[in-house]
Protein backbone atom coordinates (compact mmCIF):
# COMPACT_ATOMS: atom_id res chain seq x y z
CA MET A 1 27.69 3.99 -18.42
CA ASN A 2 26.96 4.33 -14.67
CA VAL A 3 25.82 1.19 -12.72
CA LEU A 4 22.92 3.45 -11.16
CA VAL A 5 21.83 4.25 -14.69
CA GLY A 6 21.80 0.79 -15.78
CA ILE A 7 19.85 -0.57 -12.83
CA ILE A 8 17.06 2.24 -13.27
CA LEU A 9 17.11 1.40 -17.08
CA VAL A 10 16.31 -2.42 -16.19
CA ILE A 11 13.50 -1.44 -13.72
CA HIS A 12 12.14 1.06 -16.28
CA VAL A 13 11.87 -1.51 -19.05
CA ALA A 14 10.51 -4.30 -16.89
CA VAL A 15 7.91 -1.98 -15.38
CA SER A 16 6.87 -0.66 -18.82
CA ILE A 17 6.39 -4.23 -20.06
CA GLY A 18 4.38 -5.09 -17.00
CA LEU A 19 2.28 -2.09 -17.44
CA VAL A 20 1.33 -2.83 -20.95
CA VAL A 21 0.59 -6.37 -19.99
CA PHE A 22 -1.44 -5.28 -16.89
CA ILE A 23 -3.52 -2.57 -19.01
CA LEU A 24 -4.36 -5.38 -21.64
CA LEU A 25 -5.82 -7.72 -18.80
CA HIS A 26 -8.34 -5.11 -17.84
CA SER A 27 -11.75 -5.98 -19.15
CA GLY A 28 -13.97 -3.50 -20.97
CA LYS A 29 -17.66 -4.25 -21.18
CA GLY A 30 -17.49 -7.59 -19.52
CA THR A 31 -14.85 -9.14 -21.90
CA GLY A 32 -11.03 -9.56 -21.42
CA VAL A 33 -8.77 -11.84 -19.74
CA SER A 34 -9.71 -10.62 -16.16
CA SER A 35 -13.41 -11.50 -16.64
CA LEU A 36 -12.37 -15.17 -17.29
CA PHE A 37 -11.38 -15.59 -13.66
CA GLY A 38 -13.84 -12.86 -12.20
CA GLN A 39 -17.00 -14.71 -13.05
CA THR A 40 -16.61 -17.32 -10.20
CA LEU A 41 -15.73 -14.96 -7.35
CA PRO A 42 -18.36 -12.74 -5.64
CA THR A 43 -18.52 -9.17 -6.41
CA THR A 44 -18.10 -6.46 -4.05
CA SER A 45 -20.68 -3.73 -3.28
CA SER A 46 -19.43 -1.51 -5.95
CA GLY A 47 -19.90 -4.25 -8.63
CA THR A 48 -16.17 -4.86 -9.53
CA GLY A 49 -14.86 -8.21 -8.64
CA ILE A 50 -11.84 -8.70 -6.33
CA ILE A 51 -9.48 -9.53 -9.18
CA GLU A 52 -10.38 -6.22 -11.00
CA LYS A 53 -9.75 -4.30 -7.98
CA ASN A 54 -6.31 -5.98 -7.48
CA LEU A 55 -5.61 -5.34 -11.24
CA ASP A 56 -6.43 -1.72 -10.62
CA ARG A 57 -4.04 -1.63 -7.69
CA ILE A 58 -1.16 -3.30 -9.56
CA THR A 59 -1.69 -1.07 -12.71
CA ILE A 60 -1.52 2.13 -10.42
CA VAL A 61 1.69 0.90 -8.60
CA CYS A 62 3.20 0.05 -12.10
CA ALA A 63 2.30 3.48 -13.36
CA SER A 64 3.76 5.17 -10.29
CA VAL A 65 6.97 3.24 -10.43
CA PHE A 66 7.19 4.03 -14.26
CA VAL A 67 6.89 7.75 -13.74
CA VAL A 68 9.35 7.87 -10.75
CA SER A 69 11.95 5.76 -12.82
CA LEU A 70 11.20 8.08 -15.71
CA LEU A 71 12.06 11.22 -13.49
CA VAL A 72 14.92 9.72 -12.06
CA LEU A 73 16.30 8.94 -15.59
CA MET A 74 15.80 12.38 -16.70
CA VAL A 75 18.03 13.64 -13.86
CA ILE A 76 20.72 11.15 -13.74
CA TYR A 77 21.15 10.07 -17.35
CA PRO A 78 24.36 11.46 -19.06
CA LYS A 79 23.79 14.03 -21.43
CA GLY A 80 25.14 13.90 -25.05
């Protein structure tokens, strides 16, 4: 197996595990792990806390890296 394929596979697996964790951290209807920390911090004008906004950004970055690594794997992974 090519070294580049191995590196991209490791990145892909790590990002997919991180994506699952960050999605599970999102709160729904005021419950969830992120609401435990968000209660003490002030909210912004849109009503969401600072932690929730940062969690959104991290989740979007993880999803973007996941898609890019998936597309790169589709191109460079050996057939057969």
